[in-house]
């Protein structure tokens, strides 16, 4: 930080316009701590932002895969239950419609 930038920061909060390697310029903030004549600054590293975005993207892909697998499993289980129930219902309707003797003859 140059002396002019430090003097500008002495007035309170100041955004630093200079570019640092790998630091987002719009996310940096500097403030002077007058008793010690220190300039304290903060910033966000672009690599950290990119790493967080990659982790979020990866988590969303995994979440999508797990959701698709659960939906597929639910469909298969539902079909394995509904299919035989449909067959049973059809058989019982045929049995009810038929004139079957009580003695089985």
C-alpha atoms as a PDB file:
ATOM      1  CA  UNK A   1       0.000   0.000   0.000  1.00  0.00           C
ATOM      2  CA  UNK A   2       1.345   3.376  -0.942  1.00  0.00           C
ATOM      3  CA  UNK A   3       1.501   6.367   1.388  1.00  0.00           C
ATOM      4  CA  UNK A   4      -1.295   8.139  -0.535  1.00  0.00           C
ATOM      5  CA  UNK A   5      -3.529   5.111  -0.136  1.00  0.00           C
ATOM      6  CA  UNK A   6      -2.732   4.937   3.574  1.00  0.00           C
ATOM      7  CA  UNK A   7      -3.581   8.626   3.987  1.00  0.00           C
ATOM      8  CA  UNK A   8      -6.850   8.109   2.138  1.00  0.00           C
ATOM      9  CA  UNK A   9      -7.613   5.159   4.426  1.00  0.00           C
ATOM     10  CA  UNK A  10      -6.952   7.384   7.487  1.00  0.00           C
ATOM     11  CA  UNK A  11     -10.248   9.143   6.748  1.00  0.00           C
ATOM     12  CA  UNK A  12     -12.119   5.928   7.459  1.00  0.00           C
ATOM     13  CA  UNK A  13     -12.980   2.990   5.260  1.00  0.00           C
ATOM     14  CA  UNK A  14     -11.467   3.007   1.809  1.00  0.00           C
ATOM     15  CA  UNK A  15     -11.552   0.573  -1.056  1.00  0.00           C
ATOM     16  CA  UNK A  16      -8.193  -0.055  -2.613  1.00  0.00           C
ATOM     17  CA  UNK A  17      -8.214   0.212  -6.389  1.00  0.00           C
ATOM     18  CA  UNK A  18      -4.914  -1.478  -7.128  1.00  0.00           C
ATOM     19  CA  UNK A  19      -5.044  -5.077  -8.299  1.00  0.00           C
ATOM     20  CA  UNK A  20      -3.377  -7.779  -6.261  1.00  0.00           C
ATOM     21  CA  UNK A  21      -2.674 -11.116  -7.816  1.00  0.00           C
ATOM     22  CA  UNK A  22      -5.635 -13.388  -7.184  1.00  0.00           C
ATOM     23  CA  UNK A  23      -7.629 -10.978  -5.010  1.00  0.00           C
ATOM     24  CA  UNK A  24     -11.008  -9.572  -6.061  1.00  0.00           C
ATOM     25  CA  UNK A  25     -10.603  -5.792  -6.030  1.00  0.00           C
ATOM     26  CA  UNK A  26     -14.269  -5.068  -5.240  1.00  0.00           C
ATOM     27  CA  UNK A  27     -14.103  -7.194  -2.082  1.00  0.00           C
ATOM     28  CA  UNK A  28     -11.107  -5.553  -0.395  1.00  0.00           C
ATOM     29  CA  UNK A  29     -11.531  -3.076   2.410  1.00  0.00           C
ATOM     30  CA  UNK A  30      -8.828  -1.235   4.369  1.00  0.00           C
ATOM     31  CA  UNK A  31      -9.005   0.731   7.588  1.00  0.00           C
ATOM     32  CA  UNK A  32      -6.339   2.500   9.576  1.00  0.00           C
ATOM     33  CA  UNK A  33      -5.869   1.646  13.249  1.00  0.00           C
ATOM     34  CA  UNK A  34      -4.609   5.052  14.353  1.00  0.00           C
ATOM     35  CA  UNK A  35      -3.104   4.218  17.794  1.00  0.00           C
ATOM     36  CA  UNK A  36      -0.543   1.949  16.146  1.00  0.00           C
ATOM     37  CA  UNK A  37      -0.585   3.581  12.698  1.00  0.00           C
ATOM     38  CA  UNK A  38      -1.449   0.265  11.115  1.00  0.00           C
ATOM     39  CA  UNK A  39      -3.491  -0.263   8.001  1.00  0.00           C
ATOM     40  CA  UNK A  40      -5.690  -3.333   8.390  1.00  0.00           C
ATOM     41  CA  UNK A  41      -7.172  -4.798   5.249  1.00  0.00           C
ATOM     42  CA  UNK A  42      -9.352  -7.654   4.199  1.00  0.00           C
ATOM     43  CA  UNK A  43     -10.053  -9.315   0.887  1.00  0.00           C
ATOM     44  CA  UNK A  44     -11.317 -12.407  -0.839  1.00  0.00           C
ATOM     45  CA  UNK A  45      -8.992 -14.636  -2.822  1.00  0.00           C
ATOM     46  CA  UNK A  46     -10.288 -15.559  -6.250  1.00  0.00           C
ATOM     47  CA  UNK A  47      -8.981 -19.090  -5.746  1.00  0.00           C
ATOM     48  CA  UNK A  48     -11.134 -19.436  -2.605  1.00  0.00           C
ATOM     49  CA  UNK A  49     -14.219 -18.255  -4.479  1.00  0.00           C
ATOM     50  CA  UNK A  50     -13.503 -20.656  -7.339  1.00  0.00           C
ATOM     51  CA  UNK A  51     -12.880 -23.515  -4.898  1.00  0.00           C
ATOM     52  CA  UNK A  52     -16.194 -22.847  -3.113  1.00  0.00           C
ATOM     53  CA  UNK A  53     -18.024 -22.688  -6.454  1.00  0.00           C
ATOM     54  CA  UNK A  54     -16.454 -25.991  -7.524  1.00  0.00           C
ATOM     55  CA  UNK A  55     -17.426 -27.661  -4.238  1.00  0.00           C
ATOM     56  CA  UNK A  56     -20.990 -26.355  -4.562  1.00  0.00           C
ATOM     57  CA  UNK A  57     -21.192 -27.560  -8.157  1.00  0.00           C
ATOM     58  CA  UNK A  58     -19.878 -30.994  -7.158  1.00  0.00           C
ATOM     59  CA  UNK A  59     -22.360 -31.239  -4.276  1.00  0.00           C
ATOM     60  CA  UNK A  60     -25.247 -30.305  -6.583  1.00  0.00           C
ATOM     61  CA  UNK A  61     -24.201 -32.955  -9.115  1.00  0.00           C
ATOM     62  CA  UNK A  62     -24.077 -35.600  -6.386  1.00  0.00           C
ATOM     63  CA  UNK A  63     -27.417 -34.443  -5.024  1.00  0.00           C
ATOM     64  CA  UNK A  64     -28.930 -34.697  -8.500  1.00  0.00           C
ATOM     65  CA  UNK A  65     -27.532 -38.218  -8.968  1.00  0.00           C
ATOM     66  CA  UNK A  66     -28.818 -39.390  -5.587  1.00  0.00           C
ATOM     67  CA  UNK A  67     -32.242 -37.853  -6.276  1.00  0.00           C
ATOM     68  CA  UNK A  68     -32.437 -39.564  -9.678  1.00  0.00           C
ATOM     69  CA  UNK A  69     -31.448 -42.889  -8.105  1.00  0.00           C
ATOM     70  CA  UNK A  70     -34.099 -42.529  -5.391  1.00  0.00           C
ATOM     71  CA  UNK A  71     -36.789 -41.666  -7.959  1.00  0.00           C
ATOM     72  CA  UNK A  72     -35.809 -44.663 -10.087  1.00  0.00           C
ATOM     73  CA  UNK A  73     -35.914 -46.939  -7.047  1.00  0.00           C
ATOM     74  CA  UNK A  74     -39.322 -45.572  -6.032  1.00  0.00           C
ATOM     75  CA  UNK A  75     -40.705 -46.162  -9.544  1.00  0.00           C
ATOM     76  CA  UNK A  76     -39.397 -49.731  -9.650  1.00  0.00           C
ATOM     77  CA  UNK A  77     -40.751 -50.576  -6.193  1.00  0.00           C
ATOM     78  CA  UNK A  78     -44.115 -49.020  -7.024  1.00  0.00           C
ATOM     79  CA  UNK A  79     -44.369 -50.972 -10.286  1.00  0.00           C
ATOM     80  CA  UNK A  80     -43.439 -54.223  -8.527  1.00  0.00           C
ATOM     81  CA  UNK A  81     -46.341 -53.659  -6.096  1.00  0.00           C
ATOM     82  CA  UNK A  82     -48.957 -52.208  -8.458  1.00  0.00           C
ATOM     83  CA  UNK A  83     -48.448 -54.830 -11.210  1.00  0.00           C
ATOM     84  CA  UNK A  84     -49.417 -57.861  -9.095  1.00  0.00           C
ATOM     85  CA  UNK A  85     -52.251 -55.887  -7.450  1.00  0.00           C
ATOM     86  CA  UNK A  86     -53.680 -55.141 -10.893  1.00  0.00           C
ATOM     87  CA  UNK A  87     -53.455 -58.820 -11.819  1.00  0.00           C
ATOM     88  CA  UNK A  88     -55.123 -59.809  -8.515  1.00  0.00           C
ATOM     89  CA  UNK A  89     -57.903 -57.243  -8.996  1.00  0.00           C
ATOM     90  CA  UNK A  90     -58.573 -58.525 -12.507  1.00  0.00           C
ATOM     91  CA  UNK A  91     -58.671 -62.117 -11.322  1.00  0.00           C
ATOM     92  CA  UNK A  92     -61.070 -61.280  -8.473  1.00  0.00           C
ATOM     93  CA  UNK A  93     -63.370 -59.353 -10.840  1.00  0.00           C
ATOM     94  CA  UNK A  94     -63.480 -62.343 -13.192  1.00  0.00           C
ATOM     95  CA  UNK A  95     -64.199 -64.626 -10.269  1.00  0.00           C
ATOM     96  CA  UNK A  96     -66.987 -62.350  -9.016  1.00  0.00           C
ATOM     97  CA  UNK A  97     -68.538 -62.088 -12.481  1.00  0.00           C
ATOM     98  CA  UNK A  98     -68.583 -65.829 -13.068  1.00  0.00           C
ATOM     99  CA  UNK A  99     -71.401 -68.032 -11.880  1.00  0.00           C
ATOM    100  CA  UNK A 100     -69.418 -70.454  -9.794  1.00  0.00           C
ATOM    101  CA  UNK A 101     -71.232 -73.091  -7.787  1.00  0.00           C
ATOM    102  CA  UNK A 102     -70.629 -73.387  -4.110  1.00  0.00           C
ATOM    103  CA  UNK A 103     -69.947 -77.117  -4.427  1.00  0.00           C
ATOM    104  CA  UNK A 104     -67.257 -76.560  -7.059  1.00  0.00           C
ATOM    105  CA  UNK A 105     -69.041 -78.592  -9.800  1.00  0.00           C
END
